[in-house]
């Protein structure tokens, strides 16, 4: 093998390695971005939970923001034997499911 062929072979090997590393770096950067978003969401939820704990209505479900969308955050409840702690709409849905006695088809 001539020196020029060796250089060409080595260059091709390095090009393949560079492409492989570029793909791996893109995967790492994508995962880092996902972790950064998850970190922001968890921090925001933690702050909102801390604010909610400071209010007397800490056990009441509250609307919070997650990724720019409003969602209902139902706090963890202990020693509640029935659905009385759930919001009204949730209690109605639970009654429908219990009354059906089997699978329930969702219409709306």
C-alpha atoms as a PDB file:
ATOM      1  CA  UNK A   1       0.000   0.000   0.000  1.00  0.00           C
ATOM      2  CA  UNK A   2       1.431   3.334  -1.025  1.00  0.00           C
ATOM      3  CA  UNK A   3       1.643   6.268   1.384  1.00  0.00           C
ATOM      4  CA  UNK A   4      -1.118   8.056  -0.537  1.00  0.00           C
ATOM      5  CA  UNK A   5      -3.400   5.031  -0.167  1.00  0.00           C
ATOM      6  CA  UNK A   6      -2.597   4.861   3.547  1.00  0.00           C
ATOM      7  CA  UNK A   7      -3.442   8.553   3.926  1.00  0.00           C
ATOM      8  CA  UNK A   8      -6.717   8.083   2.032  1.00  0.00           C
ATOM      9  CA  UNK A   9      -7.652   5.036   4.120  1.00  0.00           C
ATOM     10  CA  UNK A  10      -6.838   6.836   7.356  1.00  0.00           C
ATOM     11  CA  UNK A  11      -8.790   9.914   6.227  1.00  0.00           C
ATOM     12  CA  UNK A  12     -11.821   7.728   5.415  1.00  0.00           C
ATOM     13  CA  UNK A  13     -11.535   6.047   8.831  1.00  0.00           C
ATOM     14  CA  UNK A  14     -11.381   9.436  10.574  1.00  0.00           C
ATOM     15  CA  UNK A  15     -14.357  10.698   8.544  1.00  0.00           C
ATOM     16  CA  UNK A  16     -16.430   7.703   9.685  1.00  0.00           C
ATOM     17  CA  UNK A  17     -15.351   8.298  13.265  1.00  0.00           C
ATOM     18  CA  UNK A  18     -16.215  12.016  13.014  1.00  0.00           C
ATOM     19  CA  UNK A  19     -19.687  11.163  11.656  1.00  0.00           C
ATOM     20  CA  UNK A  20     -20.257   8.651  14.435  1.00  0.00           C
ATOM     21  CA  UNK A  21     -19.154  11.130  17.083  1.00  0.00           C
ATOM     22  CA  UNK A  22     -21.337  13.870  15.569  1.00  0.00           C
ATOM     23  CA  UNK A  23     -24.391  11.575  15.784  1.00  0.00           C
ATOM     24  CA  UNK A  24     -23.548  10.676  19.377  1.00  0.00           C
ATOM     25  CA  UNK A  25     -23.041  14.349  20.271  1.00  0.00           C
ATOM     26  CA  UNK A  26     -26.437  15.216  18.748  1.00  0.00           C
ATOM     27  CA  UNK A  27     -28.057  12.482  20.859  1.00  0.00           C
ATOM     28  CA  UNK A  28     -26.320  13.742  24.002  1.00  0.00           C
ATOM     29  CA  UNK A  29     -27.371  17.340  23.303  1.00  0.00           C
ATOM     30  CA  UNK A  30     -30.975  16.282  22.686  1.00  0.00           C
ATOM     31  CA  UNK A  31     -31.068  14.387  25.977  1.00  0.00           C
ATOM     32  CA  UNK A  32     -29.498  17.345  27.809  1.00  0.00           C
ATOM     33  CA  UNK A  33     -32.224  19.616  26.409  1.00  0.00           C
ATOM     34  CA  UNK A  34     -34.920  17.173  27.563  1.00  0.00           C
ATOM     35  CA  UNK A  35     -33.383  17.076  31.030  1.00  0.00           C
ATOM     36  CA  UNK A  36     -33.247  20.869  31.154  1.00  0.00           C
ATOM     37  CA  UNK A  37     -36.958  21.076  30.293  1.00  0.00           C
ATOM     38  CA  UNK A  38     -37.812  18.396  32.859  1.00  0.00           C
ATOM     39  CA  UNK A  39     -35.743  20.240  35.456  1.00  0.00           C
ATOM     40  CA  UNK A  40     -37.605  23.496  34.798  1.00  0.00           C
ATOM     41  CA  UNK A  41     -40.990  21.752  35.003  1.00  0.00           C
ATOM     42  CA  UNK A  42     -40.109  19.995  38.254  1.00  0.00           C
ATOM     43  CA  UNK A  43     -38.763  23.189  39.783  1.00  0.00           C
ATOM     44  CA  UNK A  44     -41.916  25.085  38.780  1.00  0.00           C
ATOM     45  CA  UNK A  45     -44.140  22.351  40.210  1.00  0.00           C
ATOM     46  CA  UNK A  46     -42.092  22.313  43.402  1.00  0.00           C
ATOM     47  CA  UNK A  47     -42.440  26.094  43.743  1.00  0.00           C
ATOM     48  CA  UNK A  48     -46.175  25.919  43.080  1.00  0.00           C
ATOM     49  CA  UNK A  49     -46.529  23.105  45.594  1.00  0.00           C
ATOM     50  CA  UNK A  50     -44.603  25.093  48.204  1.00  0.00           C
ATOM     51  CA  UNK A  51     -46.882  28.082  47.561  1.00  0.00           C
ATOM     52  CA  UNK A  52     -49.945  25.843  47.823  1.00  0.00           C
ATOM     53  CA  UNK A  53     -48.712  24.330  51.091  1.00  0.00           C
ATOM     54  CA  UNK A  54     -48.461  27.821  52.542  1.00  0.00           C
ATOM     55  CA  UNK A  55     -52.161  28.460  51.916  1.00  0.00           C
ATOM     56  CA  UNK A  56     -54.968  27.046  54.061  1.00  0.00           C
ATOM     57  CA  UNK A  57     -56.461  25.379  50.969  1.00  0.00           C
ATOM     58  CA  UNK A  58     -53.443  23.076  50.524  1.00  0.00           C
ATOM     59  CA  UNK A  59     -55.616  19.969  50.200  1.00  0.00           C
ATOM     60  CA  UNK A  60     -57.794  21.430  47.423  1.00  0.00           C
ATOM     61  CA  UNK A  61     -56.909  20.552  43.815  1.00  0.00           C
ATOM     62  CA  UNK A  62     -55.373  23.546  42.085  1.00  0.00           C
ATOM     63  CA  UNK A  63     -54.803  24.594  38.511  1.00  0.00           C
ATOM     64  CA  UNK A  64     -51.076  24.824  37.770  1.00  0.00           C
ATOM     65  CA  UNK A  65     -49.056  25.546  34.652  1.00  0.00           C
ATOM     66  CA  UNK A  66     -47.018  22.777  33.018  1.00  0.00           C
ATOM     67  CA  UNK A  67     -45.320  23.511  29.711  1.00  0.00           C
ATOM     68  CA  UNK A  68     -47.606  26.493  29.219  1.00  0.00           C
ATOM     69  CA  UNK A  69     -50.770  24.453  29.730  1.00  0.00           C
ATOM     70  CA  UNK A  70     -53.106  24.625  32.659  1.00  0.00           C
ATOM     71  CA  UNK A  71     -53.571  21.280  34.412  1.00  0.00           C
ATOM     72  CA  UNK A  72     -55.344  20.212  37.583  1.00  0.00           C
ATOM     73  CA  UNK A  73     -52.931  19.125  40.277  1.00  0.00           C
ATOM     74  CA  UNK A  74     -54.615  16.902  42.828  1.00  0.00           C
ATOM     75  CA  UNK A  75     -52.548  16.852  46.036  1.00  0.00           C
ATOM     76  CA  UNK A  76     -51.631  13.552  47.629  1.00  0.00           C
ATOM     77  CA  UNK A  77     -54.232  12.579  50.188  1.00  0.00           C
ATOM     78  CA  UNK A  78     -53.884  10.250  53.113  1.00  0.00           C
ATOM     79  CA  UNK A  79     -56.538   8.382  55.057  1.00  0.00           C
ATOM     80  CA  UNK A  80     -59.414   9.239  52.710  1.00  0.00           C
ATOM     81  CA  UNK A  81     -61.647   6.206  52.389  1.00  0.00           C
ATOM     82  CA  UNK A  82     -63.979   7.596  49.728  1.00  0.00           C
ATOM     83  CA  UNK A  83     -64.089  10.008  46.809  1.00  0.00           C
ATOM     84  CA  UNK A  84     -65.157  12.995  48.921  1.00  0.00           C
ATOM     85  CA  UNK A  85     -61.780  14.657  48.465  1.00  0.00           C
ATOM     86  CA  UNK A  86     -62.095  14.668  44.667  1.00  0.00           C
ATOM     87  CA  UNK A  87     -63.466  17.607  42.673  1.00  0.00           C
ATOM     88  CA  UNK A  88     -67.136  17.342  41.660  1.00  0.00           C
ATOM     89  CA  UNK A  89     -66.507  16.363  38.038  1.00  0.00           C
ATOM     90  CA  UNK A  90     -64.212  13.548  39.116  1.00  0.00           C
ATOM     91  CA  UNK A  91     -66.759  12.284  41.637  1.00  0.00           C
ATOM     92  CA  UNK A  92     -69.430  12.213  38.893  1.00  0.00           C
ATOM     93  CA  UNK A  93     -67.135  10.258  36.577  1.00  0.00           C
ATOM     94  CA  UNK A  94     -66.366   7.786  39.365  1.00  0.00           C
ATOM     95  CA  UNK A  95     -70.101   7.311  40.018  1.00  0.00           C
ATOM     96  CA  UNK A  96     -70.722   6.577  36.329  1.00  0.00           C
ATOM     97  CA  UNK A  97     -67.938   4.007  36.220  1.00  0.00           C
ATOM     98  CA  UNK A  98     -69.102   2.324  39.430  1.00  0.00           C
ATOM     99  CA  UNK A  99     -72.723   2.243  38.232  1.00  0.00           C
ATOM    100  CA  UNK A 100     -71.735   0.672  34.915  1.00  0.00           C
ATOM    101  CA  UNK A 101     -70.283  -2.400  36.622  1.00  0.00           C
ATOM    102  CA  UNK A 102     -67.969  -3.019  33.670  1.00  0.00           C
ATOM    103  CA  UNK A 103     -66.146  -1.256  30.849  1.00  0.00           C
ATOM    104  CA  UNK A 104     -67.357   2.265  30.142  1.00  0.00           C
ATOM    105  CA  UNK A 105     -67.417   3.821  26.687  1.00  0.00           C
ATOM    106  CA  UNK A 106     -66.342   7.468  26.633  1.00  0.00           C
ATOM    107  CA  UNK A 107     -68.653   9.658  24.568  1.00  0.00           C
ATOM    108  CA  UNK A 108     -67.389  13.138  25.409  1.00  0.00           C
END
